N, C-alpha and C. Protein backbone atom coordinates (compact mmCIF):
# COMPACT_ATOMS: atom_id res chain seq x y z
N UNK A 1 0.84 -1.18 0.00
CA UNK A 1 0.00 0.00 0.00
C UNK A 1 0.89 1.25 0.00
N UNK A 2 0.48 2.23 -0.76
CA UNK A 2 1.24 3.46 -0.88
C UNK A 2 1.19 4.28 0.41
N UNK A 3 2.25 5.01 0.67
CA UNK A 3 2.27 5.90 1.83
C UNK A 3 1.53 7.20 1.52
N UNK A 4 1.27 7.46 0.25
CA UNK A 4 0.55 8.66 -0.13
C UNK A 4 -0.94 8.50 0.14
N UNK A 5 -1.62 9.59 0.52
CA UNK A 5 -3.07 9.51 0.67
C UNK A 5 -3.71 9.13 -0.67
N UNK A 6 -4.71 8.26 -0.59
CA UNK A 6 -5.42 7.79 -1.78
C UNK A 6 -6.83 8.38 -1.77
N UNK A 7 -7.19 9.02 -2.87
CA UNK A 7 -8.49 9.67 -2.98
C UNK A 7 -9.22 9.11 -4.19
N UNK A 8 -10.49 8.78 -4.00
CA UNK A 8 -11.33 8.29 -5.09
C UNK A 8 -12.51 9.25 -5.26
N UNK A 9 -12.68 9.73 -6.48
CA UNK A 9 -13.80 10.59 -6.84
C UNK A 9 -14.78 9.77 -7.66
N UNK A 10 -16.06 9.83 -7.28
CA UNK A 10 -17.07 8.96 -7.90
C UNK A 10 -18.27 9.78 -8.36
N UNK A 11 -18.68 9.55 -9.60
CA UNK A 11 -19.97 10.06 -10.08
C UNK A 11 -20.61 8.92 -10.88
N UNK A 12 -21.71 9.16 -11.50
CA UNK A 12 -22.40 8.07 -12.17
C UNK A 12 -21.65 7.60 -13.41
N UNK A 13 -21.35 8.51 -14.34
CA UNK A 13 -20.77 8.10 -15.62
C UNK A 13 -19.25 8.15 -15.67
N UNK A 14 -18.60 8.78 -14.69
CA UNK A 14 -17.15 8.94 -14.68
C UNK A 14 -16.68 9.59 -15.98
N UNK A 15 -17.47 10.55 -16.45
CA UNK A 15 -17.17 11.21 -17.72
C UNK A 15 -16.94 12.71 -17.57
N UNK A 16 -17.39 13.31 -16.47
CA UNK A 16 -17.23 14.75 -16.27
C UNK A 16 -16.70 15.07 -14.87
N UNK A 17 -17.61 15.11 -13.89
CA UNK A 17 -17.27 15.61 -12.55
C UNK A 17 -16.13 14.86 -11.90
N UNK A 18 -16.21 13.55 -11.82
CA UNK A 18 -15.17 12.79 -11.12
C UNK A 18 -13.85 12.83 -11.89
N UNK A 19 -13.92 12.87 -13.21
CA UNK A 19 -12.68 12.99 -14.01
C UNK A 19 -12.02 14.34 -13.78
N UNK A 20 -12.84 15.41 -13.72
CA UNK A 20 -12.28 16.74 -13.48
C UNK A 20 -11.67 16.81 -12.09
N UNK A 21 -12.37 16.25 -11.10
CA UNK A 21 -11.85 16.28 -9.73
C UNK A 21 -10.53 15.54 -9.61
N UNK A 22 -10.45 14.36 -10.20
CA UNK A 22 -9.20 13.60 -10.14
C UNK A 22 -8.09 14.35 -10.87
N UNK A 23 -8.41 14.97 -12.00
CA UNK A 23 -7.43 15.75 -12.74
C UNK A 23 -6.89 16.91 -11.90
N UNK A 24 -7.80 17.65 -11.27
CA UNK A 24 -7.37 18.75 -10.41
C UNK A 24 -6.56 18.25 -9.22
N UNK A 25 -6.95 17.11 -8.64
CA UNK A 25 -6.21 16.57 -7.50
C UNK A 25 -4.78 16.21 -7.91
N UNK A 26 -4.64 15.60 -9.08
CA UNK A 26 -3.29 15.27 -9.55
C UNK A 26 -2.49 16.54 -9.82
N UNK A 27 -3.12 17.52 -10.44
CA UNK A 27 -2.44 18.76 -10.81
C UNK A 27 -2.01 19.58 -9.59
N UNK A 28 -2.89 19.70 -8.62
CA UNK A 28 -2.64 20.59 -7.48
C UNK A 28 -1.91 19.92 -6.31
N UNK A 29 -1.81 18.60 -6.31
CA UNK A 29 -1.20 17.93 -5.16
C UNK A 29 0.31 17.77 -5.29
N UNK A 30 0.87 18.13 -6.44
CA UNK A 30 2.31 17.95 -6.67
C UNK A 30 2.72 16.51 -6.37
N UNK A 31 1.90 15.57 -6.83
CA UNK A 31 2.16 14.14 -6.64
C UNK A 31 2.19 13.72 -5.18
N UNK A 32 1.46 14.44 -4.32
CA UNK A 32 1.42 14.08 -2.91
C UNK A 32 0.15 13.32 -2.53
N UNK A 33 -0.70 13.03 -3.50
CA UNK A 33 -1.83 12.13 -3.32
C UNK A 33 -1.93 11.24 -4.55
N UNK A 34 -2.54 10.10 -4.37
CA UNK A 34 -2.91 9.26 -5.50
C UNK A 34 -4.39 9.50 -5.75
N UNK A 35 -4.72 10.03 -6.92
CA UNK A 35 -6.10 10.37 -7.24
C UNK A 35 -6.65 9.42 -8.29
N UNK A 36 -7.85 8.92 -8.01
CA UNK A 36 -8.53 7.99 -8.90
C UNK A 36 -9.96 8.48 -9.12
N UNK A 37 -10.58 7.99 -10.19
CA UNK A 37 -11.98 8.30 -10.41
C UNK A 37 -12.68 7.07 -10.97
N UNK A 38 -14.00 7.01 -10.71
CA UNK A 38 -14.78 5.86 -11.17
C UNK A 38 -16.24 6.27 -11.26
N UNK A 39 -17.03 5.41 -11.89
CA UNK A 39 -18.45 5.67 -12.02
C UNK A 39 -19.27 4.43 -11.72
N UNK A 40 -20.48 4.65 -11.21
CA UNK A 40 -21.36 3.52 -10.94
C UNK A 40 -21.92 2.93 -12.23
N UNK A 41 -22.05 3.75 -13.27
CA UNK A 41 -22.47 3.30 -14.61
C UNK A 41 -21.63 4.06 -15.63
N UNK A 42 -20.37 3.66 -15.81
CA UNK A 42 -19.44 4.46 -16.62
C UNK A 42 -19.88 4.63 -18.07
N UNK A 43 -19.65 5.82 -18.57
CA UNK A 43 -19.87 6.13 -19.99
C UNK A 43 -18.75 5.49 -20.81
N UNK A 44 -18.91 5.44 -22.12
CA UNK A 44 -17.84 4.86 -22.95
C UNK A 44 -16.59 5.74 -23.03
N UNK A 45 -16.76 7.07 -22.94
CA UNK A 45 -15.62 7.98 -23.07
C UNK A 45 -15.80 9.16 -22.12
N UNK A 46 -14.69 9.86 -21.84
CA UNK A 46 -14.76 11.10 -21.08
C UNK A 46 -15.40 12.16 -21.97
N UNK A 47 -16.25 12.97 -21.39
CA UNK A 47 -16.95 14.02 -22.12
C UNK A 47 -15.94 14.96 -22.78
N UNK A 48 -16.05 15.16 -24.11
CA UNK A 48 -15.09 16.04 -24.81
C UNK A 48 -15.07 17.47 -24.27
N UNK A 49 -16.20 17.97 -23.78
CA UNK A 49 -16.22 19.31 -23.21
C UNK A 49 -15.45 19.34 -21.89
N UNK A 50 -15.52 18.27 -21.11
CA UNK A 50 -14.73 18.21 -19.87
C UNK A 50 -13.25 18.26 -20.22
N UNK A 51 -12.85 17.54 -21.24
CA UNK A 51 -11.45 17.55 -21.67
C UNK A 51 -11.04 18.95 -22.10
N UNK A 52 -11.87 19.60 -22.92
CA UNK A 52 -11.56 20.94 -23.44
C UNK A 52 -11.52 21.98 -22.33
N UNK A 53 -12.51 21.95 -21.43
CA UNK A 53 -12.57 22.96 -20.38
C UNK A 53 -11.50 22.74 -19.31
N UNK A 54 -11.08 21.52 -19.10
CA UNK A 54 -9.95 21.27 -18.19
C UNK A 54 -8.66 21.76 -18.82
N UNK A 55 -8.52 21.60 -20.13
CA UNK A 55 -7.33 22.09 -20.83
C UNK A 55 -7.20 23.61 -20.67
N UNK A 56 -8.33 24.31 -20.59
CA UNK A 56 -8.30 25.76 -20.36
C UNK A 56 -7.64 26.09 -19.03
N UNK A 57 -7.69 25.20 -18.08
CA UNK A 57 -7.10 25.40 -16.75
C UNK A 57 -5.71 24.76 -16.65
N UNK A 58 -5.20 24.27 -17.78
CA UNK A 58 -3.86 23.68 -17.79
C UNK A 58 -3.80 22.25 -17.29
N UNK A 59 -4.94 21.57 -17.33
CA UNK A 59 -5.02 20.19 -16.82
C UNK A 59 -5.45 19.26 -17.96
N UNK A 60 -4.60 18.34 -18.32
CA UNK A 60 -4.86 17.41 -19.42
C UNK A 60 -5.48 16.11 -18.89
N UNK A 61 -6.75 15.89 -19.20
CA UNK A 61 -7.40 14.63 -18.84
C UNK A 61 -7.76 13.83 -20.09
N UNK A 62 -7.15 14.17 -21.22
CA UNK A 62 -7.51 13.54 -22.50
C UNK A 62 -7.19 12.05 -22.57
N UNK A 63 -6.25 11.59 -21.77
CA UNK A 63 -5.89 10.16 -21.81
C UNK A 63 -6.72 9.31 -20.84
N UNK A 64 -7.59 9.95 -20.07
CA UNK A 64 -8.38 9.22 -19.07
C UNK A 64 -9.51 8.42 -19.73
N UNK A 65 -9.89 7.34 -19.08
CA UNK A 65 -10.94 6.45 -19.57
C UNK A 65 -11.91 6.20 -18.41
N UNK A 66 -13.22 6.30 -18.64
CA UNK A 66 -14.16 5.98 -17.56
C UNK A 66 -13.97 4.55 -17.07
N UNK A 67 -14.02 4.40 -15.74
CA UNK A 67 -13.81 3.10 -15.11
C UNK A 67 -14.99 2.77 -14.20
N UNK A 68 -15.31 1.50 -14.10
CA UNK A 68 -16.40 1.12 -13.18
C UNK A 68 -15.93 1.15 -11.73
N UNK A 69 -16.85 1.49 -10.87
CA UNK A 69 -16.57 1.51 -9.44
C UNK A 69 -16.11 0.15 -8.94
N UNK A 70 -16.58 -0.90 -9.58
CA UNK A 70 -16.20 -2.27 -9.17
C UNK A 70 -14.69 -2.50 -9.28
N UNK A 71 -13.98 -1.73 -10.11
CA UNK A 71 -12.52 -1.86 -10.20
C UNK A 71 -11.83 -1.55 -8.88
N UNK A 72 -12.52 -0.81 -7.99
CA UNK A 72 -11.92 -0.35 -6.74
C UNK A 72 -12.56 -0.98 -5.51
N UNK A 73 -13.41 -1.97 -5.71
CA UNK A 73 -14.22 -2.54 -4.63
C UNK A 73 -13.40 -3.07 -3.46
N UNK A 74 -12.24 -3.63 -3.69
CA UNK A 74 -11.45 -4.23 -2.62
C UNK A 74 -10.30 -3.35 -2.15
N UNK A 75 -10.36 -2.06 -2.48
CA UNK A 75 -9.28 -1.15 -2.12
C UNK A 75 -9.72 -0.21 -1.00
N UNK A 76 -8.74 0.28 -0.27
CA UNK A 76 -9.00 1.27 0.78
C UNK A 76 -8.53 2.64 0.33
N UNK A 77 -9.26 3.65 0.77
CA UNK A 77 -8.94 5.03 0.40
C UNK A 77 -8.93 5.90 1.64
N UNK A 78 -8.13 6.94 1.60
CA UNK A 78 -8.14 7.92 2.66
C UNK A 78 -9.38 8.80 2.55
N UNK A 79 -9.81 9.05 1.31
CA UNK A 79 -11.01 9.86 1.09
C UNK A 79 -11.77 9.32 -0.12
N UNK A 80 -13.08 9.26 0.03
CA UNK A 80 -13.97 8.94 -1.09
C UNK A 80 -14.95 10.10 -1.21
N UNK A 81 -14.99 10.69 -2.40
CA UNK A 81 -15.88 11.81 -2.66
C UNK A 81 -16.86 11.40 -3.74
N UNK A 82 -18.14 11.40 -3.38
CA UNK A 82 -19.19 11.13 -4.37
C UNK A 82 -19.74 12.48 -4.83
N UNK A 83 -20.32 12.46 -6.01
CA UNK A 83 -20.77 13.72 -6.61
C UNK A 83 -22.21 13.62 -7.06
N UNK A 84 -23.10 13.70 -6.09
CA UNK A 84 -24.51 13.77 -6.41
C UNK A 84 -25.11 12.51 -7.00
N UNK A 85 -24.50 11.36 -6.75
CA UNK A 85 -25.04 10.14 -7.34
C UNK A 85 -25.88 9.33 -6.37
N UNK A 86 -25.99 9.79 -5.13
CA UNK A 86 -26.89 9.17 -4.16
C UNK A 86 -26.71 7.67 -4.04
N UNK A 87 -27.81 6.93 -4.11
CA UNK A 87 -27.77 5.48 -3.94
C UNK A 87 -27.03 4.77 -5.06
N UNK A 88 -26.80 5.46 -6.19
CA UNK A 88 -26.07 4.83 -7.30
C UNK A 88 -24.59 4.68 -6.98
N UNK A 89 -24.11 5.35 -5.94
CA UNK A 89 -22.71 5.24 -5.52
C UNK A 89 -22.65 4.48 -4.21
N UNK A 90 -22.34 3.21 -4.24
CA UNK A 90 -22.29 2.43 -3.01
C UNK A 90 -21.16 2.87 -2.10
N UNK A 91 -21.25 2.43 -0.85
CA UNK A 91 -20.27 2.79 0.17
C UNK A 91 -18.96 2.06 -0.07
N UNK A 92 -17.85 2.78 0.09
CA UNK A 92 -16.51 2.20 0.08
C UNK A 92 -15.81 2.67 1.35
N UNK A 93 -14.97 1.81 1.94
CA UNK A 93 -14.30 2.21 3.17
C UNK A 93 -13.30 3.35 2.94
N UNK A 94 -13.33 4.33 3.84
CA UNK A 94 -12.38 5.44 3.77
C UNK A 94 -12.40 6.19 5.09
N UNK A 95 -11.31 6.92 5.36
CA UNK A 95 -11.24 7.77 6.55
C UNK A 95 -12.17 8.96 6.42
N UNK A 96 -12.22 9.55 5.21
CA UNK A 96 -13.02 10.73 4.94
C UNK A 96 -14.03 10.38 3.86
N UNK A 97 -15.28 10.73 4.11
CA UNK A 97 -16.34 10.48 3.13
C UNK A 97 -17.11 11.78 2.94
N UNK A 98 -17.21 12.25 1.69
CA UNK A 98 -17.92 13.48 1.40
C UNK A 98 -18.81 13.26 0.18
N UNK A 99 -19.93 13.98 0.16
CA UNK A 99 -20.76 14.02 -1.04
C UNK A 99 -20.85 15.47 -1.49
N UNK A 100 -20.35 15.72 -2.67
CA UNK A 100 -20.43 17.04 -3.26
C UNK A 100 -21.63 17.03 -4.20
N UNK A 101 -22.74 17.56 -3.76
CA UNK A 101 -23.98 17.55 -4.55
C UNK A 101 -23.87 18.58 -5.67
N UNK A 102 -23.12 18.22 -6.68
CA UNK A 102 -22.89 19.09 -7.83
C UNK A 102 -23.71 18.60 -9.02
N UNK A 103 -24.27 19.51 -9.81
CA UNK A 103 -25.03 19.09 -10.98
C UNK A 103 -24.13 18.46 -12.03
N UNK A 104 -24.67 17.49 -12.75
CA UNK A 104 -23.94 16.91 -13.87
C UNK A 104 -23.91 17.96 -14.97
N UNK A 105 -22.72 18.41 -15.37
CA UNK A 105 -22.65 19.51 -16.32
C UNK A 105 -22.89 19.14 -17.78
N UNK A 106 -23.06 17.87 -18.08
CA UNK A 106 -23.08 17.46 -19.49
C UNK A 106 -24.16 18.14 -20.32
N UNK A 107 -25.30 18.51 -19.71
CA UNK A 107 -26.36 19.16 -20.45
C UNK A 107 -26.41 20.67 -20.21
N UNK A 108 -25.46 21.19 -19.45
CA UNK A 108 -25.41 22.61 -19.17
C UNK A 108 -24.73 23.37 -20.30
N UNK A 109 -25.00 24.67 -20.39
CA UNK A 109 -24.30 25.47 -21.40
C UNK A 109 -22.84 25.63 -20.96
N UNK A 110 -22.03 26.18 -21.84
CA UNK A 110 -20.59 26.26 -21.58
C UNK A 110 -20.27 27.05 -20.31
N UNK A 111 -20.95 28.17 -20.09
CA UNK A 111 -20.69 28.98 -18.90
C UNK A 111 -21.03 28.22 -17.62
N UNK A 112 -22.15 27.52 -17.62
CA UNK A 112 -22.55 26.74 -16.45
C UNK A 112 -21.61 25.54 -16.24
N UNK A 113 -21.17 24.92 -17.34
CA UNK A 113 -20.22 23.81 -17.26
C UNK A 113 -18.93 24.28 -16.60
N UNK A 114 -18.44 25.44 -17.05
CA UNK A 114 -17.22 25.99 -16.46
C UNK A 114 -17.42 26.34 -14.99
N UNK A 115 -18.60 26.79 -14.61
CA UNK A 115 -18.88 27.10 -13.21
C UNK A 115 -18.79 25.84 -12.35
N UNK A 116 -19.30 24.71 -12.86
CA UNK A 116 -19.18 23.43 -12.14
C UNK A 116 -17.71 23.04 -12.04
N UNK A 117 -16.98 23.18 -13.14
CA UNK A 117 -15.53 22.88 -13.13
C UNK A 117 -14.82 23.70 -12.07
N UNK A 118 -15.11 25.00 -12.02
CA UNK A 118 -14.43 25.87 -11.07
C UNK A 118 -14.79 25.53 -9.63
N UNK A 119 -16.04 25.14 -9.39
CA UNK A 119 -16.44 24.73 -8.04
C UNK A 119 -15.74 23.43 -7.64
N UNK A 120 -15.59 22.52 -8.59
CA UNK A 120 -14.86 21.28 -8.32
C UNK A 120 -13.42 21.61 -7.94
N UNK A 121 -12.79 22.53 -8.66
CA UNK A 121 -11.41 22.89 -8.34
C UNK A 121 -11.31 23.46 -6.93
N UNK A 122 -12.24 24.35 -6.55
CA UNK A 122 -12.22 24.93 -5.21
C UNK A 122 -12.35 23.83 -4.15
N UNK A 123 -13.25 22.90 -4.38
CA UNK A 123 -13.47 21.83 -3.39
C UNK A 123 -12.29 20.87 -3.32
N UNK A 124 -11.67 20.60 -4.45
CA UNK A 124 -10.48 19.73 -4.46
C UNK A 124 -9.36 20.39 -3.68
N UNK A 125 -9.13 21.69 -3.89
CA UNK A 125 -8.07 22.38 -3.16
C UNK A 125 -8.33 22.33 -1.66
N UNK A 126 -9.57 22.51 -1.24
CA UNK A 126 -9.90 22.44 0.19
C UNK A 126 -9.69 21.03 0.73
N UNK A 127 -10.08 20.02 -0.03
CA UNK A 127 -9.88 18.63 0.39
C UNK A 127 -8.40 18.32 0.52
N UNK A 128 -7.61 18.74 -0.45
CA UNK A 128 -6.16 18.49 -0.39
C UNK A 128 -5.55 19.13 0.85
N UNK A 129 -6.00 20.33 1.19
CA UNK A 129 -5.49 21.00 2.38
C UNK A 129 -5.88 20.23 3.64
N UNK A 130 -7.12 19.75 3.70
CA UNK A 130 -7.54 18.97 4.87
C UNK A 130 -6.74 17.67 4.98
N UNK A 131 -6.50 17.01 3.88
CA UNK A 131 -5.71 15.78 3.90
C UNK A 131 -4.27 16.07 4.32
N UNK A 132 -3.72 17.17 3.85
CA UNK A 132 -2.34 17.53 4.18
C UNK A 132 -2.20 17.79 5.68
N UNK A 133 -3.14 18.52 6.26
CA UNK A 133 -3.02 18.85 7.68
C UNK A 133 -3.40 17.70 8.59
N UNK A 134 -4.10 16.70 8.05
CA UNK A 134 -4.51 15.56 8.88
C UNK A 134 -3.41 14.52 9.01
N UNK A 135 -2.38 14.62 8.24
CA UNK A 135 -1.32 13.60 8.26
C UNK A 135 -0.34 13.82 9.37
């Protein structure tokens, strides 16, 4: 097991919110956390708008692929963050458990999509700070 804190971000399709959160966690943590993302019903690909809007912030998630939550079923995490998926996101063991009730941006206009992206970045930065000070 890694000595680095392990964080899993979960949404339904693993195509927008959780991918953006994991991307921001990797970008802002300076490799001081292991960030993963998954979905309860993964889409076939990451949303192209998520890729484009993350690139605007200097974060490349173009190589990411949606993964099923079952890939992580037997793993432990320091933090599990669900994103508005309610009962569709089953419980996984972790020290920190949060639900960020954020709207799925896939049907939102570009300005609203970017607003969700920016809120995810703010929440990721706060989570990283909490994990850093808890160690």
